[in-house]
C-alpha atoms as a PDB file:
ATOM      1  CA  MET A   1       0.000   0.000   0.000  1.00  0.00           C
ATOM      2  CA  ILE A   2       1.340   3.411  -0.956  1.00  0.00           C
ATOM      3  CA  SER A   3       1.249   6.024   1.758  1.00  0.00           C
ATOM      4  CA  PRO A   4       0.461   9.670   0.949  1.00  0.00           C
ATOM      5  CA  THR A   5       4.143  10.517   1.344  1.00  0.00           C
ATOM      6  CA  ASP A   6       5.291   7.889  -1.143  1.00  0.00           C
ATOM      7  CA  SER A   7       5.720   9.094  -4.675  1.00  0.00           C
ATOM      8  CA  PRO A   8       4.973   6.402  -7.230  1.00  0.00           C
ATOM      9  CA  GLU A   9       7.353   5.784 -10.069  1.00  0.00           C
ATOM     10  CA  PRO A  10       6.371   7.743 -13.180  1.00  0.00           C
ATOM     11  CA  SER A  11       4.770   5.605 -15.824  1.00  0.00           C
ATOM     12  CA  PRO A  12       6.527   5.216 -19.189  1.00  0.00           C
ATOM     13  CA  GLY A  13       5.753   8.178 -21.385  1.00  0.00           C
ATOM     14  CA  SER A  14       4.875  10.482 -18.503  1.00  0.00           C
ATOM     15  CA  THR A  15       6.780  13.729 -18.686  1.00  0.00           C
ATOM     16  CA  ASP A  16       6.315  17.383 -18.006  1.00  0.00           C
ATOM     17  CA  HIS A  17       3.885  18.306 -20.757  1.00  0.00           C
ATOM     18  CA  SER A  18       4.708  21.985 -20.318  1.00  0.00           C
ATOM     19  CA  GLN A  19       8.263  21.286 -21.487  1.00  0.00           C
ATOM     20  CA  ARG A  20       6.983  19.304 -24.461  1.00  0.00           C
ATOM     21  CA  ASP A  21       4.520  22.067 -25.310  1.00  0.00           C
ATOM     22  CA  ALA A  22       7.283  24.687 -25.048  1.00  0.00           C
ATOM     23  CA  GLY A  23       9.329  22.574 -27.468  1.00  0.00           C
ATOM     24  CA  LEU A  24       6.408  22.356 -29.880  1.00  0.00           C
ATOM     25  CA  ARG A  25       5.963  26.140 -29.743  1.00  0.00           C
ATOM     26  CA  ALA A  26       9.697  26.691 -30.306  1.00  0.00           C
ATOM     27  CA  PHE A  27       9.531  24.434 -33.360  1.00  0.00           C
ATOM     28  CA  ALA A  28       6.520  26.331 -34.706  1.00  0.00           C
ATOM     29  CA  ARG A  29       8.458  29.617 -34.320  1.00  0.00           C
ATOM     30  CA  GLY A  30      11.415  28.166 -36.219  1.00  0.00           C
ATOM     31  CA  GLU A  31      13.623  28.017 -33.113  1.00  0.00           C
ATOM     32  CA  TYR A  32      14.758  24.518 -33.962  1.00  0.00           C
ATOM     33  CA  ALA A  33      17.831  24.256 -31.735  1.00  0.00           C
ATOM     34  CA  LEU A  34      15.755  25.281 -28.709  1.00  0.00           C
ATOM     35  CA  ALA A  35      13.012  22.868 -29.754  1.00  0.00           C
ATOM     36  CA  ALA A  36      15.508  20.006 -29.936  1.00  0.00           C
ATOM     37  CA  GLU A  37      16.876  20.857 -26.494  1.00  0.00           C
ATOM     38  CA  LEU A  38      13.401  20.959 -24.951  1.00  0.00           C
ATOM     39  CA  LEU A  39      12.026  17.920 -26.756  1.00  0.00           C
ATOM     40  CA  LEU A  40      14.933  15.511 -26.235  1.00  0.00           C
ATOM     41  CA  PRO A  41      14.207  14.674 -22.574  1.00  0.00           C
ATOM     42  CA  CYS A  42      10.520  14.278 -23.404  1.00  0.00           C
ATOM     43  CA  ALA A  43      11.305  11.954 -26.304  1.00  0.00           C
ATOM     44  CA  GLU A  44      13.685   9.923 -24.155  1.00  0.00           C
ATOM     45  CA  ALA A  45      10.883   9.556 -21.597  1.00  0.00           C
ATOM     46  CA  GLY A  46       8.562   8.093 -24.240  1.00  0.00           C
ATOM     47  CA  GLU A  47       6.555  11.114 -25.437  1.00  0.00           C
ATOM     48  CA  VAL A  48       5.511  10.093 -28.950  1.00  0.00           C
ATOM     49  CA  LYS A  49       4.902  13.651 -30.201  1.00  0.00           C
ATOM     50  CA  ALA A  50       8.408  14.624 -29.139  1.00  0.00           C
ATOM     51  CA  GLN A  51       9.877  11.488 -30.746  1.00  0.00           C
ATOM     52  CA  LEU A  52       8.135  12.194 -34.039  1.00  0.00           C
ATOM     53  CA  LEU A  53       9.212  15.816 -34.093  1.00  0.00           C
ATOM     54  CA  LEU A  54      12.812  14.905 -33.312  1.00  0.00           C
ATOM     55  CA  ALA A  55      12.716  12.347 -36.119  1.00  0.00           C
ATOM     56  CA  ARG A  56      11.490  15.073 -38.465  1.00  0.00           C
ATOM     57  CA  MET A  57      14.234  17.421 -37.283  1.00  0.00           C
ATOM     58  CA  TYR A  58      16.940  14.809 -37.876  1.00  0.00           C
ATOM     59  CA  TYR A  59      15.479  14.073 -41.302  1.00  0.00           C
ATOM     60  CA  ALA A  60      15.502  17.722 -42.393  1.00  0.00           C
ATOM     61  CA  GLY A  61      18.454  18.995 -40.371  1.00  0.00           C
ATOM     62  CA  ASN A  62      16.344  21.535 -38.457  1.00  0.00           C
ATOM     63  CA  GLY A  63      18.243  22.591 -35.337  1.00  0.00           C
ATOM     64  CA  VAL A  64      20.343  19.432 -35.487  1.00  0.00           C
ATOM     65  CA  THR A  65      22.682  17.945 -38.046  1.00  0.00           C
ATOM     66  CA  ALA A  66      20.697  15.854 -40.519  1.00  0.00           C
ATOM     67  CA  ASP A  67      21.289  12.243 -39.543  1.00  0.00           C
ATOM     68  CA  PRO A  68      19.430   9.340 -41.202  1.00  0.00           C
ATOM     69  CA  ALA A  69      20.374   6.972 -38.366  1.00  0.00           C
ATOM     70  CA  ARG A  70      18.933   9.294 -35.695  1.00  0.00           C
ATOM     71  CA  TYR A  71      15.845   9.819 -37.887  1.00  0.00           C
ATOM     72  CA  GLN A  72      15.295   6.073 -37.982  1.00  0.00           C
ATOM     73  CA  TYR A  73      16.046   5.711 -34.261  1.00  0.00           C
ATOM     74  CA  TRP A  74      13.316   8.166 -33.255  1.00  0.00           C
ATOM     75  CA  LEU A  75      10.858   6.624 -35.695  1.00  0.00           C
ATOM     76  CA  GLU A  76      11.583   3.228 -34.153  1.00  0.00           C
ATOM     77  CA  ARG A  77      11.011   4.598 -30.633  1.00  0.00           C
ATOM     78  CA  ALA A  78       7.683   6.138 -31.692  1.00  0.00           C
ATOM     79  CA  ALA A  79       6.664   2.935 -33.470  1.00  0.00           C
ATOM     80  CA  ALA A  80       7.512   0.929 -30.346  1.00  0.00           C
ATOM     81  CA  CYS A  81       5.073   3.188 -28.470  1.00  0.00           C
ATOM     82  CA  GLY A  82       2.380   2.203 -30.968  1.00  0.00           C
ATOM     83  CA  ASP A  83       2.433   5.159 -33.366  1.00  0.00           C
ATOM     84  CA  LYS A  84       1.026   4.026 -36.715  1.00  0.00           C
ATOM     85  CA  SER A  85       2.506   6.905 -38.734  1.00  0.00           C
ATOM     86  CA  ALA A  86       5.990   6.024 -37.466  1.00  0.00           C
ATOM     87  CA  ARG A  87       5.435   2.375 -38.419  1.00  0.00           C
ATOM     88  CA  ALA A  88       4.367   3.404 -41.927  1.00  0.00           C
ATOM     89  CA  LYS A  89       7.410   5.661 -42.347  1.00  0.00           C
ATOM     90  CA  LEU A  90       9.714   2.889 -41.169  1.00  0.00           C
ATOM     91  CA  LYS A  91       8.131   0.456 -43.589  1.00  0.00           C
ATOM     92  CA  ARG A  92       8.699   2.884 -46.482  1.00  0.00           C
ATOM     93  CA  LEU A  93      12.227   3.581 -45.278  1.00  0.00           C
ATOM     94  CA  GLN A  94      13.059  -0.122 -45.131  1.00  0.00           C
ATOM     95  CA  GLY A  95      11.549  -0.607 -48.580  1.00  0.00           C
ATOM     96  CA  THR A  96      14.053   1.831 -50.070  1.00  0.00           C
ATOM     97  CA  ARG A  97      17.097  -0.165 -48.950  1.00  0.00           C
END
């Protein structure tokens, strides 16, 4: 039984949504380096939106150096979380090899 003073472990994918939202706003303003900095911890914690946006940034080289391996890595993380668009992109990517 958990007492009121115990703090349960965060569930996978639970992060500070305000940080994710700040990263999304930074991306929308074209502040890609800031967006990458804000979104990375969220993506590492399992936030699918952050994973997908980081994948897009690595694909296009927005705020980060374009890196096909990192693009694929973040797509794979999002797909592992159940994102259908990431699965479709991975399937197309694997079909081009």
